[in-house]
Amino acid sequence: MTGEKKASATRYHRKTLLAAADRLLTEYGYDGMNMNLLSKEAGYSKATVYVYFESKDEIVRELCIERLGLARSEIALVLKSDLDKESKFAEIKRLLDEFAEGDRTYFDFICASGDAASDSDNAARLSALVSDILDDMTVLAPVDELKARWYSYYGRIKTQSLFE
């Protein structure tokens, strides 16, 4: 198999596994999804799943990055809009509330990810994406004000690891 064909096959299998994982996470949540269920859902052996992903956390991080990237794009549109500062905050909160409710498993994982010690590429990418979103929002307010608003919206204990 040529390098290009192998890369294409890898992308296909990863995409198939991520789609299956997303279905399972939506239905069963983080604790209910495991690699055995994923292998059955995707139609792969468990060993094959581990060829493409080293852990459940890696899969969830990749899905979080995907969703958070979309949320960042939406936030960027709000930040560029002609709305006043408080209206921008209200619209961003609406977007985040929608994310927190619609993608609860991913939202909770992102909030907890600041606590997790991991040196994976996806962990670094997820952390950088959260930091980038905060940096984007500093056009509205200093980081301390953003933290205070975030804590009032979603709870300090649940989310403070995002700011550390």
N, C-alpha and C. Protein backbone atom coordinates (compact mmCIF):
# COMPACT_ATOMS: atom_id res chain seq x y z
N MET A 1 0.86 -1.18 0.00
CA MET A 1 0.00 0.00 0.00
C MET A 1 0.90 1.23 0.00
N THR A 2 0.59 2.16 -0.89
CA THR A 2 1.38 3.39 -0.96
C THR A 2 1.13 4.25 0.27
N GLY A 3 2.02 5.19 0.50
CA GLY A 3 1.88 6.07 1.65
C GLY A 3 0.59 6.86 1.62
N GLU A 4 0.21 7.31 0.42
CA GLU A 4 -1.03 8.09 0.29
C GLU A 4 -2.26 7.23 0.58
N LYS A 5 -2.26 6.00 0.08
CA LYS A 5 -3.39 5.10 0.33
C LYS A 5 -3.48 4.74 1.81
N LYS A 6 -2.32 4.52 2.42
CA LYS A 6 -2.31 4.18 3.85
C LYS A 6 -2.84 5.34 4.68
N ALA A 7 -2.42 6.55 4.35
CA ALA A 7 -2.90 7.74 5.07
C ALA A 7 -4.40 7.89 4.88
N SER A 8 -4.88 7.65 3.68
CA SER A 8 -6.31 7.74 3.40
C SER A 8 -7.09 6.69 4.20
N ALA A 9 -6.56 5.48 4.26
CA ALA A 9 -7.20 4.41 5.03
C ALA A 9 -7.21 4.76 6.52
N THR A 10 -6.12 5.31 7.01
CA THR A 10 -6.05 5.71 8.42
C THR A 10 -7.10 6.78 8.72
N ARG A 11 -7.20 7.78 7.86
CA ARG A 11 -8.22 8.84 8.06
C ARG A 11 -9.62 8.24 8.07
N TYR A 12 -9.88 7.33 7.15
CA TYR A 12 -11.20 6.69 7.07
C TYR A 12 -11.51 5.94 8.36
N HIS A 13 -10.59 5.10 8.83
CA HIS A 13 -10.84 4.30 10.03
C HIS A 13 -10.97 5.18 11.27
N ARG A 14 -10.15 6.21 11.37
CA ARG A 14 -10.27 7.13 12.51
C ARG A 14 -11.62 7.84 12.49
N LYS A 15 -12.02 8.29 11.31
CA LYS A 15 -13.31 8.98 11.18
C LYS A 15 -14.47 8.05 11.53
N THR A 16 -14.40 6.81 11.09
CA THR A 16 -15.43 5.82 11.42
C THR A 16 -15.50 5.59 12.92
N LEU A 17 -14.36 5.44 13.54
CA LEU A 17 -14.32 5.22 14.99
C LEU A 17 -14.81 6.44 15.76
N LEU A 18 -14.44 7.63 15.31
CA LEU A 18 -14.90 8.85 15.99
C LEU A 18 -16.41 9.00 15.87
N ALA A 19 -16.97 8.68 14.72
CA ALA A 19 -18.42 8.77 14.55
C ALA A 19 -19.14 7.79 15.47
N ALA A 20 -18.62 6.59 15.57
CA ALA A 20 -19.21 5.59 16.47
C ALA A 20 -19.08 6.03 17.92
N ALA A 21 -17.92 6.55 18.28
CA ALA A 21 -17.70 7.02 19.65
C ALA A 21 -18.64 8.16 19.98
N ASP A 22 -18.85 9.06 19.03
CA ASP A 22 -19.77 10.18 19.24
C ASP A 22 -21.18 9.67 19.52
N ARG A 23 -21.63 8.69 18.76
CA ARG A 23 -22.96 8.11 18.99
C ARG A 23 -23.05 7.51 20.39
N LEU A 24 -22.03 6.77 20.78
CA LEU A 24 -22.04 6.12 22.10
C LEU A 24 -21.96 7.14 23.23
N LEU A 25 -21.12 8.15 23.06
CA LEU A 25 -21.01 9.19 24.10
C LEU A 25 -22.31 9.96 24.25
N THR A 26 -22.98 10.20 23.15
CA THR A 26 -24.26 10.90 23.20
C THR A 26 -25.30 10.05 23.92
N GLU A 27 -25.29 8.76 23.65
CA GLU A 27 -26.28 7.87 24.25
C GLU A 27 -25.96 7.48 25.69
N TYR A 28 -24.69 7.14 25.96
CA TYR A 28 -24.33 6.58 27.26
C TYR A 28 -23.49 7.50 28.14
N GLY A 29 -22.97 8.58 27.60
CA GLY A 29 -22.10 9.46 28.37
C GLY A 29 -20.70 8.89 28.46
N TYR A 30 -19.83 9.66 29.09
CA TYR A 30 -18.42 9.28 29.20
C TYR A 30 -18.24 7.94 29.93
N ASP A 31 -18.89 7.81 31.09
CA ASP A 31 -18.70 6.60 31.89
C ASP A 31 -19.31 5.37 31.25
N GLY A 32 -20.34 5.56 30.43
CA GLY A 32 -21.01 4.42 29.80
C GLY A 32 -20.35 3.93 28.53
N MET A 33 -19.50 4.75 27.94
CA MET A 33 -18.82 4.35 26.70
C MET A 33 -17.49 3.70 27.05
N ASN A 34 -17.19 2.58 26.40
CA ASN A 34 -15.89 1.95 26.60
C ASN A 34 -15.40 1.38 25.27
N MET A 35 -14.17 0.92 25.26
CA MET A 35 -13.56 0.46 24.02
C MET A 35 -14.24 -0.81 23.48
N ASN A 36 -14.79 -1.64 24.36
CA ASN A 36 -15.53 -2.82 23.89
C ASN A 36 -16.78 -2.40 23.12
N LEU A 37 -17.55 -1.49 23.71
CA LEU A 37 -18.74 -0.99 23.02
C LEU A 37 -18.37 -0.31 21.71
N LEU A 38 -17.30 0.45 21.73
CA LEU A 38 -16.87 1.16 20.53
C LEU A 38 -16.50 0.19 19.41
N SER A 39 -15.77 -0.85 19.76
CA SER A 39 -15.38 -1.81 18.72
C SER A 39 -16.61 -2.47 18.11
N LYS A 40 -17.60 -2.81 18.93
CA LYS A 40 -18.84 -3.41 18.41
C LYS A 40 -19.62 -2.42 17.56
N GLU A 41 -19.75 -1.20 18.05
CA GLU A 41 -20.51 -0.17 17.34
C GLU A 41 -19.90 0.14 15.98
N ALA A 42 -18.58 0.18 15.91
CA ALA A 42 -17.89 0.53 14.67
C ALA A 42 -17.64 -0.67 13.76
N GLY A 43 -17.78 -1.88 14.33
CA GLY A 43 -17.54 -3.08 13.53
C GLY A 43 -16.06 -3.41 13.37
N TYR A 44 -15.27 -3.06 14.36
CA TYR A 44 -13.84 -3.34 14.36
C TYR A 44 -13.51 -4.23 15.56
N SER A 45 -12.38 -4.89 15.50
CA SER A 45 -11.92 -5.61 16.69
C SER A 45 -11.39 -4.57 17.69
N LYS A 46 -11.36 -4.95 18.94
CA LYS A 46 -10.84 -4.05 19.97
C LYS A 46 -9.38 -3.72 19.69
N ALA A 47 -8.62 -4.70 19.22
CA ALA A 47 -7.21 -4.47 18.90
C ALA A 47 -7.07 -3.42 17.80
N THR A 48 -7.96 -3.44 16.83
CA THR A 48 -7.92 -2.46 15.74
C THR A 48 -8.22 -1.06 16.27
N VAL A 49 -9.15 -0.97 17.20
CA VAL A 49 -9.46 0.34 17.80
C VAL A 49 -8.19 0.93 18.41
N TYR A 50 -7.43 0.10 19.11
CA TYR A 50 -6.21 0.57 19.76
C TYR A 50 -5.09 0.88 18.76
N VAL A 51 -5.20 0.40 17.56
CA VAL A 51 -4.23 0.79 16.53
C VAL A 51 -4.39 2.28 16.21
N TYR A 52 -5.63 2.75 16.24
CA TYR A 52 -5.92 4.12 15.83
C TYR A 52 -6.04 5.10 17.00
N PHE A 53 -6.37 4.61 18.18
CA PHE A 53 -6.50 5.46 19.36
C PHE A 53 -5.96 4.72 20.58
N GLU A 54 -5.10 5.39 21.35
CA GLU A 54 -4.49 4.72 22.50
C GLU A 54 -5.42 4.61 23.70
N SER A 55 -6.47 5.47 23.76
CA SER A 55 -7.36 5.43 24.92
C SER A 55 -8.69 6.11 24.61
N LYS A 56 -9.62 5.86 25.49
CA LYS A 56 -10.92 6.53 25.40
C LYS A 56 -10.73 8.04 25.54
N ASP A 57 -9.88 8.45 26.44
CA ASP A 57 -9.64 9.89 26.63
C ASP A 57 -9.13 10.55 25.35
N GLU A 58 -8.26 9.86 24.62
CA GLU A 58 -7.77 10.42 23.37
C GLU A 58 -8.91 10.64 22.38
N ILE A 59 -9.81 9.69 22.32
CA ILE A 59 -10.97 9.80 21.43
C ILE A 59 -11.84 10.99 21.85
N VAL A 60 -12.13 11.07 23.13
CA VAL A 60 -13.00 12.14 23.62
C VAL A 60 -12.32 13.50 23.41
N ARG A 61 -11.02 13.59 23.65
CA ARG A 61 -10.30 14.85 23.41
C ARG A 61 -10.42 15.27 21.94
N GLU A 62 -10.26 14.33 21.04
CA GLU A 62 -10.35 14.67 19.62
C GLU A 62 -11.75 15.19 19.27
N LEU A 63 -12.77 14.56 19.82
CA LEU A 63 -14.14 15.02 19.58
C LEU A 63 -14.38 16.39 20.24
N CYS A 64 -13.79 16.60 21.40
CA CYS A 64 -13.90 17.91 22.07
C CYS A 64 -13.24 19.00 21.24
N ILE A 65 -12.08 18.70 20.69
CA ILE A 65 -11.37 19.67 19.86
C ILE A 65 -12.21 20.05 18.66
N GLU A 66 -12.83 19.06 18.06
CA GLU A 66 -13.69 19.30 16.91
C GLU A 66 -14.85 20.24 17.27
N ARG A 67 -15.53 19.93 18.36
CA ARG A 67 -16.68 20.74 18.77
C ARG A 67 -16.26 22.13 19.26
N LEU A 68 -15.20 22.18 20.03
CA LEU A 68 -14.74 23.45 20.56
C LEU A 68 -14.22 24.36 19.44
N GLY A 69 -13.65 23.76 18.41
CA GLY A 69 -13.23 24.54 17.25
C GLY A 69 -14.41 25.21 16.57
N LEU A 70 -15.52 24.49 16.48
CA LEU A 70 -16.75 25.07 15.91
C LEU A 70 -17.28 26.19 16.81
N ALA A 71 -17.26 25.94 18.11
CA ALA A 71 -17.71 26.97 19.06
C ALA A 71 -16.84 28.21 18.96
N ARG A 72 -15.53 28.02 18.79
CA ARG A 72 -14.62 29.17 18.66
C ARG A 72 -14.98 29.99 17.43
N SER A 73 -15.31 29.33 16.35
CA SER A 73 -15.70 30.05 15.13
C SER A 73 -16.95 30.89 15.36
N GLU A 74 -17.91 30.31 16.08
CA GLU A 74 -19.14 31.05 16.38
C GLU A 74 -18.86 32.23 17.31
N ILE A 75 -18.00 32.02 18.30
CA ILE A 75 -17.63 33.10 19.22
C ILE A 75 -16.93 34.21 18.46
N ALA A 76 -16.06 33.85 17.52
CA ALA A 76 -15.34 34.85 16.72
C ALA A 76 -16.33 35.73 15.95
N LEU A 77 -17.38 35.13 15.42
CA LEU A 77 -18.39 35.91 14.71
C LEU A 77 -19.08 36.90 15.64
N VAL A 78 -19.37 36.45 16.85
CA VAL A 78 -20.00 37.35 17.84
C VAL A 78 -19.05 38.48 18.18
N LEU A 79 -17.78 38.17 18.40
CA LEU A 79 -16.81 39.19 18.77
C LEU A 79 -16.63 40.24 17.66
N LYS A 80 -16.79 39.84 16.41
CA LYS A 80 -16.65 40.76 15.29
C LYS A 80 -17.94 41.54 14.99
N SER A 81 -19.01 41.15 15.63
CA SER A 81 -20.30 41.79 15.34
C SER A 81 -20.35 43.22 15.87
N ASP A 82 -21.40 43.93 15.50
CA ASP A 82 -21.59 45.32 15.93
C ASP A 82 -22.30 45.42 17.27
N LEU A 83 -22.53 44.31 17.94
CA LEU A 83 -23.22 44.33 19.23
C LEU A 83 -22.37 45.05 20.28
N ASP A 84 -23.03 45.61 21.29
CA ASP A 84 -22.29 46.21 22.39
C ASP A 84 -21.72 45.09 23.28
N LYS A 85 -20.84 45.47 24.18
CA LYS A 85 -20.11 44.51 25.02
C LYS A 85 -21.04 43.55 25.76
N GLU A 86 -22.05 44.06 26.43
CA GLU A 86 -22.94 43.19 27.21
C GLU A 86 -23.76 42.27 26.31
N SER A 87 -24.14 42.77 25.15
CA SER A 87 -24.87 41.91 24.20
C SER A 87 -23.97 40.80 23.67
N LYS A 88 -22.70 41.12 23.46
CA LYS A 88 -21.75 40.10 23.03
C LYS A 88 -21.59 39.04 24.10
N PHE A 89 -21.45 39.48 25.37
CA PHE A 89 -21.36 38.51 26.46
C PHE A 89 -22.61 37.63 26.50
N ALA A 90 -23.77 38.24 26.36
CA ALA A 90 -25.02 37.48 26.40
C ALA A 90 -25.08 36.46 25.26
N GLU A 91 -24.65 36.84 24.08
CA GLU A 91 -24.68 35.93 22.94
C GLU A 91 -23.65 34.80 23.12
N ILE A 92 -22.48 35.13 23.63
CA ILE A 92 -21.47 34.10 23.89
C ILE A 92 -21.95 33.14 24.96
N LYS A 93 -22.60 33.67 26.00
CA LYS A 93 -23.15 32.80 27.03
C LYS A 93 -24.21 31.88 26.44
N ARG A 94 -25.03 32.40 25.55
CA ARG A 94 -26.05 31.57 24.90
C ARG A 94 -25.39 30.43 24.12
N LEU A 95 -24.33 30.75 23.39
CA LEU A 95 -23.60 29.73 22.63
C LEU A 95 -22.99 28.68 23.56
N LEU A 96 -22.40 29.14 24.65
CA LEU A 96 -21.79 28.21 25.60
C LEU A 96 -22.83 27.37 26.32
N ASP A 97 -23.97 27.99 26.65
CA ASP A 97 -25.06 27.23 27.27
C ASP A 97 -25.56 26.14 26.32
N GLU A 98 -25.69 26.50 25.06
CA GLU A 98 -26.11 25.54 24.04
C GLU A 98 -25.10 24.38 23.96
N PHE A 99 -23.84 24.72 23.98
CA PHE A 99 -22.78 23.70 23.96
C PHE A 99 -22.85 22.84 25.22
N ALA A 100 -22.99 23.48 26.38
CA ALA A 100 -23.02 22.75 27.65
C ALA A 100 -24.21 21.80 27.73
N GLU A 101 -25.33 22.20 27.18
CA GLU A 101 -26.52 21.34 27.22
C GLU A 101 -26.51 20.30 26.10
N GLY A 102 -26.21 20.72 24.90
CA GLY A 102 -26.27 19.83 23.75
C GLY A 102 -25.13 18.82 23.71
N ASP A 103 -23.99 19.21 24.21
CA ASP A 103 -22.80 18.36 24.21
C ASP A 103 -22.26 18.21 25.63
N ARG A 104 -23.14 17.86 26.55
CA ARG A 104 -22.80 17.80 27.98
C ARG A 104 -21.56 16.97 28.26
N THR A 105 -21.45 15.80 27.64
CA THR A 105 -20.28 14.95 27.87
C THR A 105 -19.00 15.67 27.51
N TYR A 106 -19.01 16.36 26.38
CA TYR A 106 -17.82 17.07 25.91
C TYR A 106 -17.54 18.29 26.78
N PHE A 107 -18.58 19.03 27.13
CA PHE A 107 -18.41 20.20 27.99
C PHE A 107 -17.80 19.79 29.33
N ASP A 108 -18.35 18.75 29.94
CA ASP A 108 -17.83 18.28 31.23
C ASP A 108 -16.39 17.79 31.10
N PHE A 109 -16.08 17.10 30.02
CA PHE A 109 -14.72 16.60 29.81
C PHE A 109 -13.75 17.76 29.66
N ILE A 110 -14.14 18.78 28.91
CA ILE A 110 -13.28 19.95 28.74
C ILE A 110 -13.04 20.64 30.07
N CYS A 111 -14.11 20.79 30.87
CA CYS A 111 -13.95 21.42 32.18
C CYS A 111 -13.02 20.62 33.08
N ALA A 112 -13.08 19.31 32.99
CA ALA A 112 -12.23 18.46 33.82
C ALA A 112 -10.83 18.30 33.25
N SER A 113 -10.65 18.63 31.99
CA SER A 113 -9.37 18.34 31.33
C SER A 113 -8.21 19.13 31.91
N GLY A 114 -8.48 20.25 32.52
CA GLY A 114 -7.41 21.01 33.14
C GLY A 114 -6.79 20.29 34.32
N ASP A 115 -7.57 19.37 34.92
CA ASP A 115 -7.08 18.58 36.06
C ASP A 115 -6.24 17.39 35.62
N ALA A 116 -6.45 16.92 34.40
CA ALA A 116 -5.82 15.68 33.96
C ALA A 116 -4.38 15.91 33.54
N ALA A 117 -3.52 15.08 34.07
CA ALA A 117 -2.11 15.14 33.68
C ALA A 117 -1.94 14.24 32.46
N SER A 118 -1.66 14.84 31.33
CA SER A 118 -1.46 14.07 30.11
C SER A 118 -0.48 14.82 29.22
N ASP A 119 0.35 14.06 28.57
CA ASP A 119 1.31 14.70 27.68
C ASP A 119 0.99 14.38 26.21
N SER A 120 -0.25 13.97 25.95
CA SER A 120 -0.61 13.63 24.57
C SER A 120 -0.75 14.90 23.73
N ASP A 121 -0.61 14.73 22.43
CA ASP A 121 -0.78 15.85 21.51
C ASP A 121 -2.18 16.43 21.60
N ASN A 122 -3.18 15.55 21.72
CA ASN A 122 -4.56 16.03 21.82
C ASN A 122 -4.81 16.80 23.11
N ALA A 123 -4.18 16.39 24.19
CA ALA A 123 -4.34 17.13 25.46
C ALA A 123 -3.77 18.53 25.30
N ALA A 124 -2.61 18.63 24.67
CA ALA A 124 -1.99 19.94 24.43
C ALA A 124 -2.85 20.78 23.48
N ARG A 125 -3.37 20.16 22.44
CA ARG A 125 -4.23 20.89 21.48
C ARG A 125 -5.50 21.39 22.15
N LEU A 126 -6.11 20.56 23.00
CA LEU A 126 -7.33 20.97 23.69
C LEU A 126 -7.05 22.13 24.64
N SER A 127 -5.98 22.02 25.39
CA SER A 127 -5.60 23.09 26.31
C SER A 127 -5.32 24.39 25.55
N ALA A 128 -4.62 24.29 24.44
CA ALA A 128 -4.31 25.47 23.63
C ALA A 128 -5.57 26.10 23.07
N LEU A 129 -6.52 25.27 22.67
CA LEU A 129 -7.77 25.78 22.11
C LEU A 129 -8.58 26.54 23.16
N VAL A 130 -8.63 26.00 24.37
CA VAL A 130 -9.32 26.71 25.46
C VAL A 130 -8.63 28.05 25.71
N SER A 131 -7.29 28.04 25.77
CA SER A 131 -6.53 29.29 25.97
C SER A 131 -6.77 30.28 24.84
N ASP A 132 -6.82 29.78 23.61
CA ASP A 132 -7.05 30.66 22.46
C ASP A 132 -8.42 31.32 22.53
N ILE A 133 -9.42 30.57 22.96
CA ILE A 133 -10.77 31.14 23.09
C ILE A 133 -10.76 32.24 24.15
N LEU A 134 -10.11 31.98 25.27
CA LEU A 134 -10.01 33.01 26.32
C LEU A 134 -9.27 34.23 25.80
N ASP A 135 -8.18 34.01 25.08
CA ASP A 135 -7.43 35.13 24.50
C ASP A 135 -8.30 35.92 23.53
N ASP A 136 -9.08 35.22 22.71
CA ASP A 136 -9.98 35.90 21.77
C ASP A 136 -10.95 36.81 22.53
N MET A 137 -11.42 36.32 23.67
CA MET A 137 -12.44 37.06 24.42
C MET A 137 -11.88 38.21 25.22
N THR A 138 -10.56 38.31 25.33
CA THR A 138 -9.99 39.43 26.09
C THR A 138 -10.24 40.78 25.40
N VAL A 139 -10.75 40.78 24.18
CA VAL A 139 -11.14 42.04 23.56
C VAL A 139 -12.36 42.62 24.27
N LEU A 140 -13.09 41.76 24.98
CA LEU A 140 -14.27 42.22 25.72
C LEU A 140 -13.94 42.63 27.15
N ALA A 141 -13.02 41.90 27.77
CA ALA A 141 -12.73 42.15 29.19
C ALA A 141 -11.41 41.48 29.55
N PRO A 142 -10.78 41.94 30.63
CA PRO A 142 -9.55 41.28 31.09
C PRO A 142 -9.85 39.84 31.56
N VAL A 143 -8.83 39.03 31.61
CA VAL A 143 -8.99 37.62 31.96
C VAL A 143 -9.68 37.45 33.31
N ASP A 144 -9.35 38.27 34.30
CA ASP A 144 -9.98 38.14 35.61
C ASP A 144 -11.49 38.32 35.54
N GLU A 145 -11.95 39.26 34.72
CA GLU A 145 -13.39 39.45 34.56
C GLU A 145 -14.00 38.27 33.81
N LEU A 146 -13.30 37.76 32.81
CA LEU A 146 -13.79 36.59 32.08
C LEU A 146 -13.94 35.40 33.02
N LYS A 147 -12.93 35.20 33.89
CA LYS A 147 -12.99 34.11 34.87
C LYS A 147 -14.21 34.28 35.77
N ALA A 148 -14.39 35.48 36.29
CA ALA A 148 -15.50 35.73 37.21
C ALA A 148 -16.84 35.44 36.53
N ARG A 149 -16.99 35.88 35.29
CA ARG A 149 -18.24 35.60 34.56
C ARG A 149 -18.41 34.11 34.33
N TRP A 150 -17.33 33.45 33.90
CA TRP A 150 -17.39 32.02 33.63
C TRP A 150 -17.80 31.26 34.90
N TYR A 151 -17.16 31.61 36.03
CA TYR A 151 -17.48 30.94 37.30
C TYR A 151 -18.93 31.16 37.68
N SER A 152 -19.44 32.38 37.46
CA SER A 152 -20.83 32.64 37.81
C SER A 152 -21.79 31.88 36.89
N TYR A 153 -21.37 31.65 35.65
CA TYR A 153 -22.22 30.91 34.71
C TYR A 153 -22.22 29.41 34.99
N TYR A 154 -21.04 28.85 35.21
CA TYR A 154 -20.90 27.38 35.21
C TYR A 154 -20.33 26.79 36.49
N GLY A 155 -20.05 27.62 37.48
CA GLY A 155 -19.54 27.13 38.75
C GLY A 155 -18.02 27.11 38.81
N ARG A 156 -17.50 27.69 39.86
CA ARG A 156 -16.05 27.80 40.01
C ARG A 156 -15.39 26.43 40.15
N ILE A 157 -15.94 25.58 41.00
CA ILE A 157 -15.31 24.29 41.26
C ILE A 157 -15.24 23.47 39.99
N LYS A 158 -16.30 23.49 39.21
CA LYS A 158 -16.33 22.69 37.99
C LYS A 158 -15.36 23.20 36.94
N THR A 159 -15.16 24.51 36.87
CA THR A 159 -14.44 25.06 35.71
C THR A 159 -13.12 25.75 36.02
N GLN A 160 -12.74 25.88 37.27
CA GLN A 160 -11.54 26.68 37.55
C GLN A 160 -10.28 26.07 36.97
N SER A 161 -10.25 24.76 36.75
CA SER A 161 -9.05 24.14 36.18
C SER A 161 -8.78 24.63 34.76
N LEU A 162 -9.79 25.18 34.10
CA LEU A 162 -9.59 25.72 32.76
C LEU A 162 -8.68 26.95 32.77
N PHE A 163 -8.60 27.61 33.91
CA PHE A 163 -7.86 28.86 33.99
C PHE A 163 -6.49 28.70 34.66
N GLU A 164 -6.13 27.49 34.99
CA GLU A 164 -4.86 27.26 35.70
C GLU A 164 -3.78 26.74 34.79
